[in-house]
Amino acid sequence: MGLLPTKGLTLPLLSFGGTGILANCVAMAVLLRIDWEN
């Protein structure tokens, strides 16, 4: 939106990129695990 200088960062869980998607999925799974243990 032009509010910040251009940076090479993808949109989590959405943008194309294999490692990024993998890391995001693992992070969300761990968050679900924390809730499950709670």
PDB file of all heavy atoms in Angstrom:
ATOM      1  N   MET A   1       0.807  -1.217   0.000  1.00  0.00           N
ATOM      2  CA  MET A   1       0.000   0.000   0.000  1.00  0.00           C
ATOM      3  C   MET A   1       0.846   1.276   0.000  1.00  0.00           C
ATOM      4  O   MET A   1       0.308   2.375   0.084  1.00  0.00           O
ATOM      5  CB  MET A   1      -0.929  -0.003   1.215  1.00  0.00           C
ATOM      6  CG  MET A   1      -2.009  -1.063   1.132  1.00  0.00           C
ATOM      7  SD  MET A   1      -3.214  -0.980   2.482  1.00  0.00           S
ATOM      8  CE  MET A   1      -2.276  -1.717   3.816  1.00  0.00           C
ATOM      9  N   GLY A   2       2.166   1.127  -0.069  1.00  0.00           N
ATOM     10  CA  GLY A   2       3.028   2.292  -0.116  1.00  0.00           C
ATOM     11  C   GLY A   2       3.236   2.958   1.223  1.00  0.00           C
ATOM     12  O   GLY A   2       3.710   4.093   1.292  1.00  0.00           O
ATOM     13  N   LEU A   3       2.904   2.256   2.310  1.00  0.00           N
ATOM     14  CA  LEU A   3       3.086   2.815   3.647  1.00  0.00           C
ATOM     15  C   LEU A   3       4.470   2.519   4.202  1.00  0.00           C
ATOM     16  O   LEU A   3       4.906   3.170   5.159  1.00  0.00           O
ATOM     17  CB  LEU A   3       2.022   2.254   4.601  1.00  0.00           C
ATOM     18  CG  LEU A   3       0.565   2.538   4.210  1.00  0.00           C
ATOM     19  CD1 LEU A   3      -0.387   1.842   5.178  1.00  0.00           C
ATOM     20  CD2 LEU A   3       0.303   4.030   4.181  1.00  0.00           C
ATOM     21  N   LEU A   4       5.153   1.527   3.626  1.00  0.00           N
ATOM     22  CA  LEU A   4       6.493   1.142   4.066  1.00  0.00           C
ATOM     23  C   LEU A   4       7.379   0.948   2.841  1.00  0.00           C
ATOM     24  O   LEU A   4       6.880   0.624   1.753  1.00  0.00           O
ATOM     25  CB  LEU A   4       6.438  -0.167   4.875  1.00  0.00           C
ATOM     26  CG  LEU A   4       5.714  -0.125   6.229  1.00  0.00           C
ATOM     27  CD1 LEU A   4       5.561  -1.534   6.786  1.00  0.00           C
ATOM     28  CD2 LEU A   4       6.473   0.759   7.216  1.00  0.00           C
ATOM     29  N   PRO A   5       8.701   1.116   2.992  1.00  0.00           N
ATOM     30  CA  PRO A   5       9.612   0.889   1.868  1.00  0.00           C
ATOM     31  C   PRO A   5       9.550  -0.555   1.391  1.00  0.00           C
ATOM     32  O   PRO A   5       9.248  -1.469   2.159  1.00  0.00           O
ATOM     33  CB  PRO A   5      10.995   1.213   2.463  1.00  0.00           C
ATOM     34  CG  PRO A   5      10.715   2.043   3.665  1.00  0.00           C
ATOM     35  CD  PRO A   5       9.394   1.589   4.199  1.00  0.00           C
ATOM     36  N   THR A   6       9.833  -0.751   0.122  1.00  0.00           N
ATOM     37  CA  THR A   6       9.770  -2.085  -0.476  1.00  0.00           C
ATOM     38  C   THR A   6      10.731  -3.037   0.207  1.00  0.00           C
ATOM     39  O   THR A   6      11.911  -2.754   0.374  1.00  0.00           O
ATOM     40  CB  THR A   6      10.113  -2.020  -1.977  1.00  0.00           C
ATOM     41  OG1 THR A   6       9.220  -1.101  -2.604  1.00  0.00           O
ATOM     42  CG2 THR A   6       9.967  -3.386  -2.623  1.00  0.00           C
ATOM     43  N   LYS A   7      10.207  -4.199   0.634  1.00  0.00           N
ATOM     44  CA  LYS A   7      10.982  -5.234   1.305  1.00  0.00           C
ATOM     45  C   LYS A   7      10.603  -6.573   0.716  1.00  0.00           C
ATOM     46  O   LYS A   7       9.462  -6.801   0.348  1.00  0.00           O
ATOM     47  CB  LYS A   7      10.680  -5.248   2.809  1.00  0.00           C
ATOM     48  CG  LYS A   7      11.476  -4.241   3.589  1.00  0.00           C
ATOM     49  CD  LYS A   7      12.859  -4.785   3.928  1.00  0.00           C
ATOM     50  CE  LYS A   7      13.913  -3.879   3.356  1.00  0.00           C
ATOM     51  NZ  LYS A   7      14.624  -4.371   2.241  1.00  0.00           N
ATOM     52  N   GLY A   8      11.540  -7.471   0.646  1.00  0.00           N
ATOM     53  CA  GLY A   8      11.268  -8.795   0.085  1.00  0.00           C
ATOM     54  C   GLY A   8      10.651  -9.739   1.091  1.00  0.00           C
ATOM     55  O   GLY A   8      11.260 -10.746   1.466  1.00  0.00           O
ATOM     56  N   LEU A   9       9.447  -9.430   1.536  1.00  0.00           N
ATOM     57  CA  LEU A   9       8.734 -10.284   2.489  1.00  0.00           C
ATOM     58  C   LEU A   9       7.408 -10.732   1.899  1.00  0.00           C
ATOM     59  O   LEU A   9       6.652  -9.916   1.363  1.00  0.00           O
ATOM     60  CB  LEU A   9       8.485  -9.537   3.806  1.00  0.00           C
ATOM     61  CG  LEU A   9       9.643  -9.449   4.801  1.00  0.00           C
ATOM     62  CD1 LEU A   9       9.245  -8.600   5.993  1.00  0.00           C
ATOM     63  CD2 LEU A   9      10.072 -10.837   5.270  1.00  0.00           C
ATOM     64  N   THR A  10       7.132 -12.008   2.011  1.00  0.00           N
ATOM     65  CA  THR A  10       5.885 -12.552   1.483  1.00  0.00           C
ATOM     66  C   THR A  10       4.746 -12.375   2.486  1.00  0.00           C
ATOM     67  O   THR A  10       4.973 -12.053   3.654  1.00  0.00           O
ATOM     68  CB  THR A  10       6.044 -14.047   1.171  1.00  0.00           C
ATOM     69  OG1 THR A  10       6.485 -14.732   2.362  1.00  0.00           O
ATOM     70  CG2 THR A  10       7.064 -14.264   0.065  1.00  0.00           C
ATOM     71  N   LEU A  11       3.533 -12.599   2.022  1.00  0.00           N
ATOM     72  CA  LEU A  11       2.363 -12.560   2.884  1.00  0.00           C
ATOM     73  C   LEU A  11       2.190 -13.947   3.501  1.00  0.00           C
ATOM     74  O   LEU A  11       1.991 -14.926   2.782  1.00  0.00           O
ATOM     75  CB  LEU A  11       1.124 -12.182   2.065  1.00  0.00           C
ATOM     76  CG  LEU A  11      -0.148 -11.803   2.822  1.00  0.00           C
ATOM     77  CD1 LEU A  11       0.101 -10.626   3.753  1.00  0.00           C
ATOM     78  CD2 LEU A  11      -1.264 -11.476   1.836  1.00  0.00           C
ATOM     79  N   PRO A  12       2.299 -14.071   4.822  1.00  0.00           N
ATOM     80  CA  PRO A  12       2.265 -15.398   5.462  1.00  0.00           C
ATOM     81  C   PRO A  12       1.043 -16.216   5.065  1.00  0.00           C
ATOM     82  O   PRO A  12      -0.068 -15.673   4.958  1.00  0.00           O
ATOM     83  CB  PRO A  12       2.232 -15.060   6.966  1.00  0.00           C
ATOM     84  CG  PRO A  12       2.842 -13.708   7.065  1.00  0.00           C
ATOM     85  CD  PRO A  12       2.435 -12.979   5.812  1.00  0.00           C
ATOM     86  N   LEU A  13       1.270 -17.516   4.828  1.00  0.00           N
ATOM     87  CA  LEU A  13       0.225 -18.496   4.522  1.00  0.00           C
ATOM     88  C   LEU A  13      -0.390 -18.322   3.144  1.00  0.00           C
ATOM     89  O   LEU A  13      -1.152 -19.189   2.704  1.00  0.00           O
ATOM     90  CB  LEU A  13      -0.886 -18.461   5.570  1.00  0.00           C
ATOM     91  CG  LEU A  13      -0.475 -18.798   7.002  1.00  0.00           C
ATOM     92  CD1 LEU A  13      -1.580 -18.414   7.984  1.00  0.00           C
ATOM     93  CD2 LEU A  13      -0.143 -20.280   7.144  1.00  0.00           C
ATOM     94  N   LEU A  14      -0.065 -17.232   2.432  1.00  0.00           N
ATOM     95  CA  LEU A  14      -0.699 -16.985   1.137  1.00  0.00           C
ATOM     96  C   LEU A  14       0.272 -16.979  -0.033  1.00  0.00           C
ATOM     97  O   LEU A  14       0.030 -17.647  -1.040  1.00  0.00           O
ATOM     98  CB  LEU A  14      -1.466 -15.644   1.170  1.00  0.00           C
ATOM     99  CG  LEU A  14      -2.901 -15.702   1.677  1.00  0.00           C
ATOM    100  CD1 LEU A  14      -2.923 -15.741   3.200  1.00  0.00           C
ATOM    101  CD2 LEU A  14      -3.695 -14.497   1.194  1.00  0.00           C
ATOM    102  N   SER A  15       1.354 -16.202   0.075  1.00  0.00           N
ATOM    103  CA  SER A  15       2.235 -15.994  -1.066  1.00  0.00           C
ATOM    104  C   SER A  15       2.935 -17.269  -1.514  1.00  0.00           C
ATOM    105  O   SER A  15       3.159 -18.194  -0.720  1.00  0.00           O
ATOM    106  CB  SER A  15       3.281 -14.928  -0.739  1.00  0.00           C
ATOM    107  OG  SER A  15       2.695 -13.665  -0.557  1.00  0.00           O
ATOM    108  N   PHE A  16       3.321 -17.285  -2.787  1.00  0.00           N
ATOM    109  CA  PHE A  16       4.079 -18.396  -3.344  1.00  0.00           C
ATOM    110  C   PHE A  16       5.452 -18.464  -2.700  1.00  0.00           C
ATOM    111  O   PHE A  16       6.115 -17.453  -2.510  1.00  0.00           O
ATOM    112  CB  PHE A  16       4.225 -18.204  -4.856  1.00  0.00           C
ATOM    113  CG  PHE A  16       5.033 -19.268  -5.534  1.00  0.00           C
ATOM    114  CD1 PHE A  16       4.446 -20.463  -5.906  1.00  0.00           C
ATOM    115  CD2 PHE A  16       6.382 -19.083  -5.795  1.00  0.00           C
ATOM    116  CE1 PHE A  16       5.181 -21.459  -6.532  1.00  0.00           C
ATOM    117  CE2 PHE A  16       7.134 -20.059  -6.417  1.00  0.00           C
ATOM    118  CZ  PHE A  16       6.523 -21.253  -6.780  1.00  0.00           C
ATOM    119  N   GLY A  17       5.893 -19.657  -2.368  1.00  0.00           N
ATOM    120  CA  GLY A  17       7.211 -19.849  -1.758  1.00  0.00           C
ATOM    121  C   GLY A  17       7.221 -21.080  -0.876  1.00  0.00           C
ATOM    122  O   GLY A  17       6.507 -21.118   0.131  1.00  0.00           O
ATOM    123  N   GLY A  18       7.980 -22.071  -1.257  1.00  0.00           N
ATOM    124  CA  GLY A  18       7.931 -23.364  -0.574  1.00  0.00           C
ATOM    125  C   GLY A  18       8.354 -23.340   0.873  1.00  0.00           C
ATOM    126  O   GLY A  18       7.641 -23.810   1.759  1.00  0.00           O
ATOM    127  N   THR A  19       9.530 -22.774   1.175  1.00  0.00           N
ATOM    128  CA  THR A  19      10.028 -22.781   2.544  1.00  0.00           C
ATOM    129  C   THR A  19       9.158 -21.920   3.450  1.00  0.00           C
ATOM    130  O   THR A  19       8.925 -22.265   4.613  1.00  0.00           O
ATOM    131  CB  THR A  19      11.479 -22.289   2.598  1.00  0.00           C
ATOM    132  OG1 THR A  19      12.247 -22.911   1.582  1.00  0.00           O
ATOM    133  CG2 THR A  19      12.105 -22.605   3.945  1.00  0.00           C
ATOM    134  N   GLY A  20       8.683 -20.798   2.919  1.00  0.00           N
ATOM    135  CA  GLY A  20       7.819 -19.931   3.706  1.00  0.00           C
ATOM    136  C   GLY A  20       6.527 -20.622   4.099  1.00  0.00           C
ATOM    137  O   GLY A  20       6.085 -20.549   5.252  1.00  0.00           O
ATOM    138  N   ILE A  21       5.901 -21.311   3.144  1.00  0.00           N
ATOM    139  CA  ILE A  21       4.666 -22.049   3.420  1.00  0.00           C
ATOM    140  C   ILE A  21       4.928 -23.156   4.441  1.00  0.00           C
ATOM    141  O   ILE A  21       4.150 -23.365   5.375  1.00  0.00           O
ATOM    142  CB  ILE A  21       4.084 -22.643   2.120  1.00  0.00           C
ATOM    143  CG1 ILE A  21       3.500 -21.538   1.243  1.00  0.00           C
ATOM    144  CG2 ILE A  21       3.026 -23.704   2.416  1.00  0.00           C
ATOM    145  CD1 ILE A  21       2.264 -20.866   1.828  1.00  0.00           C
ATOM    146  N   LEU A  22       6.040 -23.869   4.275  1.00  0.00           N
ATOM    147  CA  LEU A  22       6.392 -24.937   5.206  1.00  0.00           C
ATOM    148  C   LEU A  22       6.556 -24.387   6.625  1.00  0.00           C
ATOM    149  O   LEU A  22       5.992 -24.935   7.588  1.00  0.00           O
ATOM    150  CB  LEU A  22       7.687 -25.610   4.750  1.00  0.00           C
ATOM    151  CG  LEU A  22       8.283 -26.665   5.699  1.00  0.00           C
ATOM    152  CD1 LEU A  22       7.331 -27.842   5.855  1.00  0.00           C
ATOM    153  CD2 LEU A  22       9.639 -27.141   5.189  1.00  0.00           C
ATOM    154  N   ALA A  23       7.318 -23.303   6.768  1.00  0.00           N
ATOM    155  CA  ALA A  23       7.558 -22.712   8.089  1.00  0.00           C
ATOM    156  C   ALA A  23       6.255 -22.214   8.710  1.00  0.00           C
ATOM    157  O   ALA A  23       6.011 -22.410   9.906  1.00  0.00           O
ATOM    158  CB  ALA A  23       8.564 -21.572   7.969  1.00  0.00           C
ATOM    159  N   ASN A  24       5.400 -21.578   7.909  1.00  0.00           N
ATOM    160  CA  ASN A  24       4.121 -21.083   8.411  1.00  0.00           C
ATOM    161  C   ASN A  24       3.220 -22.220   8.880  1.00  0.00           C
ATOM    162  O   ASN A  24       2.575 -22.121   9.936  1.00  0.00           O
ATOM    163  CB  ASN A  24       3.389 -20.286   7.334  1.00  0.00           C
ATOM    164  CG  ASN A  24       4.078 -18.985   6.961  1.00  0.00           C
ATOM    165  OD1 ASN A  24       3.852 -18.445   5.888  1.00  0.00           O
ATOM    166  ND2 ASN A  24       4.946 -18.487   7.827  1.00  0.00           N
ATOM    167  N   CYS A  25       3.163 -23.309   8.114  1.00  0.00           N
ATOM    168  CA  CYS A  25       2.333 -24.461   8.484  1.00  0.00           C
ATOM    169  C   CYS A  25       2.808 -25.098   9.786  1.00  0.00           C
ATOM    170  O   CYS A  25       2.001 -25.447  10.653  1.00  0.00           O
ATOM    171  CB  CYS A  25       2.333 -25.495   7.357  1.00  0.00           C
ATOM    172  SG  CYS A  25       1.367 -25.037   5.906  1.00  0.00           S
ATOM    173  N   VAL A  26       4.119 -25.248   9.923  1.00  0.00           N
ATOM    174  CA  VAL A  26       4.674 -25.823  11.152  1.00  0.00           C
ATOM    175  C   VAL A  26       4.366 -24.918  12.340  1.00  0.00           C
ATOM    176  O   VAL A  26       3.973 -25.389  13.422  1.00  0.00           O
ATOM    177  CB  VAL A  26       6.195 -26.043  11.017  1.00  0.00           C
ATOM    178  CG1 VAL A  26       6.808 -26.406  12.364  1.00  0.00           C
ATOM    179  CG2 VAL A  26       6.477 -27.146  10.008  1.00  0.00           C
ATOM    180  N   ALA A  27       4.518 -23.605  12.157  1.00  0.00           N
ATOM    181  CA  ALA A  27       4.236 -22.660  13.242  1.00  0.00           C
ATOM    182  C   ALA A  27       2.781 -22.760  13.694  1.00  0.00           C
ATOM    183  O   ALA A  27       2.493 -22.781  14.902  1.00  0.00           O
ATOM    184  CB  ALA A  27       4.558 -21.234  12.795  1.00  0.00           C
ATOM    185  N   MET A  28       1.857 -22.844  12.744  1.00  0.00           N
ATOM    186  CA  MET A  28       0.437 -22.930  13.099  1.00  0.00           C
ATOM    187  C   MET A  28       0.124 -24.268  13.765  1.00  0.00           C
ATOM    188  O   MET A  28      -0.715 -24.347  14.670  1.00  0.00           O
ATOM    189  CB  MET A  28      -0.421 -22.723  11.867  1.00  0.00           C
ATOM    190  CG  MET A  28      -0.276 -21.352  11.216  1.00  0.00           C
ATOM    191  SD  MET A  28      -0.473 -19.968  12.362  1.00  0.00           S
ATOM    192  CE  MET A  28      -2.188 -20.142  12.809  1.00  0.00           C
ATOM    193  N   ALA A  29       0.805 -25.330  13.333  1.00  0.00           N
ATOM    194  CA  ALA A  29       0.608 -26.637  13.962  1.00  0.00           C
ATOM    195  C   ALA A  29       1.091 -26.618  15.410  1.00  0.00           C
ATOM    196  O   ALA A  29       0.446 -27.191  16.299  1.00  0.00           O
ATOM    197  CB  ALA A  29       1.356 -27.713  13.169  1.00  0.00           C
ATOM    198  N   VAL A  30       2.216 -25.961  15.653  1.00  0.00           N
ATOM    199  CA  VAL A  30       2.738 -25.849  17.019  1.00  0.00           C
ATOM    200  C   VAL A  30       1.783 -25.021  17.878  1.00  0.00           C
ATOM    201  O   VAL A  30       1.536 -25.349  19.047  1.00  0.00           O
ATOM    202  CB  VAL A  30       4.153 -25.235  17.010  1.00  0.00           C
ATOM    203  CG1 VAL A  30       4.609 -24.878  18.423  1.00  0.00           C
ATOM    204  CG2 VAL A  30       5.146 -26.195  16.360  1.00  0.00           C
ATOM    205  N   LEU A  31       1.217 -23.970  17.305  1.00  0.00           N
ATOM    206  CA  LEU A  31       0.237 -23.155  18.034  1.00  0.00           C
ATOM    207  C   LEU A  31      -0.993 -23.991  18.398  1.00  0.00           C
ATOM    208  O   LEU A  31      -1.512 -23.910  19.515  1.00  0.00           O
ATOM    209  CB  LEU A  31      -0.169 -21.954  17.175  1.00  0.00           C
ATOM    210  CG  LEU A  31      -0.980 -20.849  17.859  1.00  0.00           C
ATOM    211  CD1 LEU A  31      -0.223 -20.272  19.049  1.00  0.00           C
ATOM    212  CD2 LEU A  31      -1.312 -19.752  16.845  1.00  0.00           C
ATOM    213  N   LEU A  32      -1.439 -24.817  17.464  1.00  0.00           N
ATOM    214  CA  LEU A  32      -2.553 -25.726  17.741  1.00  0.00           C
ATOM    215  C   LEU A  32      -2.180 -26.731  18.831  1.00  0.00           C
ATOM    216  O   LEU A  32      -3.008 -27.075  19.686  1.00  0.00           O
ATOM    217  CB  LEU A  32      -2.965 -26.472  16.461  1.00  0.00           C
ATOM    218  CG  LEU A  32      -3.859 -25.705  15.491  1.00  0.00           C
ATOM    219  CD1 LEU A  32      -3.892 -26.417  14.142  1.00  0.00           C
ATOM    220  CD2 LEU A  32      -5.274 -25.571  16.048  1.00  0.00           C
ATOM    221  N   ARG A  33      -0.942 -27.203  18.804  1.00  0.00           N
ATOM    222  CA  ARG A  33      -0.485 -28.158  19.813  1.00  0.00           C
ATOM    223  C   ARG A  33      -0.474 -27.510  21.199  1.00  0.00           C
ATOM    224  O   ARG A  33      -0.860 -28.151  22.193  1.00  0.00           O
ATOM    225  CB  ARG A  33       0.922 -28.653  19.460  1.00  0.00           C
ATOM    226  CG  ARG A  33       1.557 -29.565  20.519  1.00  0.00           C
ATOM    227  CD  ARG A  33       0.951 -30.945  20.521  1.00  0.00           C
ATOM    228  NE  ARG A  33       1.353 -31.723  21.677  1.00  0.00           N
ATOM    229  CZ  ARG A  33       1.275 -33.056  21.752  1.00  0.00           C
ATOM    230  NH1 ARG A  33       0.796 -33.734  20.730  1.00  0.00           N
ATOM    231  NH2 ARG A  33       1.639 -33.699  22.844  1.00  0.00           N
ATOM    232  N   ILE A  34      -0.026 -26.259  21.272  1.00  0.00           N
ATOM    233  CA  ILE A  34      -0.016 -25.555  22.556  1.00  0.00           C
ATOM    234  C   ILE A  34      -1.437 -25.461  23.110  1.00  0.00           C
ATOM    235  O   ILE A  34      -1.685 -25.722  24.292  1.00  0.00           O
ATOM    236  CB  ILE A  34       0.603 -24.151  22.399  1.00  0.00           C
ATOM    237  CG1 ILE A  34       2.099 -24.269  22.053  1.00  0.00           C
ATOM    238  CG2 ILE A  34       0.421 -23.333  23.682  1.00  0.00           C
ATOM    239  CD1 ILE A  34       2.748 -22.946  21.674  1.00  0.00           C
ATOM    240  N   ASP A  35      -2.382 -25.107  22.239  1.00  0.00           N
ATOM    241  CA  ASP A  35      -3.782 -25.017  22.669  1.00  0.00           C
ATOM    242  C   ASP A  35      -4.303 -26.383  23.102  1.00  0.00           C
ATOM    243  O   ASP A  35      -5.017 -26.497  24.105  1.00  0.00           O
ATOM    244  CB  ASP A  35      -4.630 -24.456  21.527  1.00  0.00           C
ATOM    245  CG  ASP A  35      -6.100 -24.387  21.891  1.00  0.00           C
ATOM    246  OD1 ASP A  35      -6.469 -23.515  22.685  1.00  0.00           O
ATOM    247  OD2 ASP A  35      -6.879 -25.230  21.395  1.00  0.00           O
ATOM    248  N   TRP A  36      -3.946 -27.427  22.364  1.00  0.00           N
ATOM    249  CA  TRP A  36      -4.386 -28.796  22.692  1.00  0.00           C
ATOM    250  C   TRP A  36      -3.862 -29.210  24.066  1.00  0.00           C
ATOM    251  O   TRP A  36      -4.596 -29.769  24.882  1.00  0.00           O
ATOM    252  CB  TRP A  36      -3.889 -29.752  21.610  1.00  0.00           C
ATOM    253  CG  TRP A  36      -4.286 -31.177  21.810  1.00  0.00           C
ATOM    254  CD1 TRP A  36      -5.513 -31.742  21.576  1.00  0.00           C
ATOM    255  CD2 TRP A  36      -3.444 -32.241  22.273  1.00  0.00           C
ATOM    256  NE1 TRP A  36      -5.484 -33.075  21.860  1.00  0.00           N
ATOM    257  CE2 TRP A  36      -4.236 -33.415  22.295  1.00  0.00           C
ATOM    258  CE3 TRP A  36      -2.111 -32.321  22.672  1.00  0.00           C
ATOM    259  CZ2 TRP A  36      -3.722 -34.647  22.698  1.00  0.00           C
ATOM    260  CZ3 TRP A  36      -1.599 -33.548  23.063  1.00  0.00           C
ATOM    261  CH2 TRP A  36      -2.405 -34.686  23.077  1.00  0.00           C
ATOM    262  N   GLU A  37      -2.582 -28.908  24.325  1.00  0.00           N
ATOM    263  CA  GLU A  37      -2.009 -29.247  25.629  1.00  0.00           C
ATOM    264  C   GLU A  37      -2.658 -28.420  26.738  1.00  0.00           C
ATOM    265  O   GLU A  37      -2.872 -28.927  27.848  1.00  0.00           O
ATOM    266  CB  GLU A  37      -0.496 -29.036  25.606  1.00  0.00           C
ATOM    267  CG  GLU A  37       0.249 -30.046  24.735  1.00  0.00           C
ATOM    268  CD  GLU A  37       1.755 -30.002  24.935  1.00  0.00           C
ATOM    269  OE1 GLU A  37       2.224 -29.241  25.810  1.00  0.00           O
ATOM    270  OE2 GLU A  37       2.464 -30.747  24.209  1.00  0.00           O
ATOM    271  N   ASN A  38      -2.970 -27.170  26.459  1.00  0.00           N
ATOM    272  CA  ASN A  38      -3.658 -26.343  27.454  1.00  0.00           C
ATOM    273  C   ASN A  38      -4.983 -26.973  27.867  1.00  0.00           C
ATOM    274  O   ASN A  38      -5.323 -27.013  29.057  1.00  0.00           O
ATOM    275  CB  ASN A  38      -3.923 -24.940  26.897  1.00  0.00           C
ATOM    276  CG  ASN A  38      -2.682 -24.075  26.871  1.00  0.00           C
ATOM    277  OD1 ASN A  38      -1.708 -24.335  27.581  1.00  0.00           O
ATOM    278  ND2 ASN A  38      -2.698 -23.043  26.057  1.00  0.00           N
TER     279      ASN A  38
END
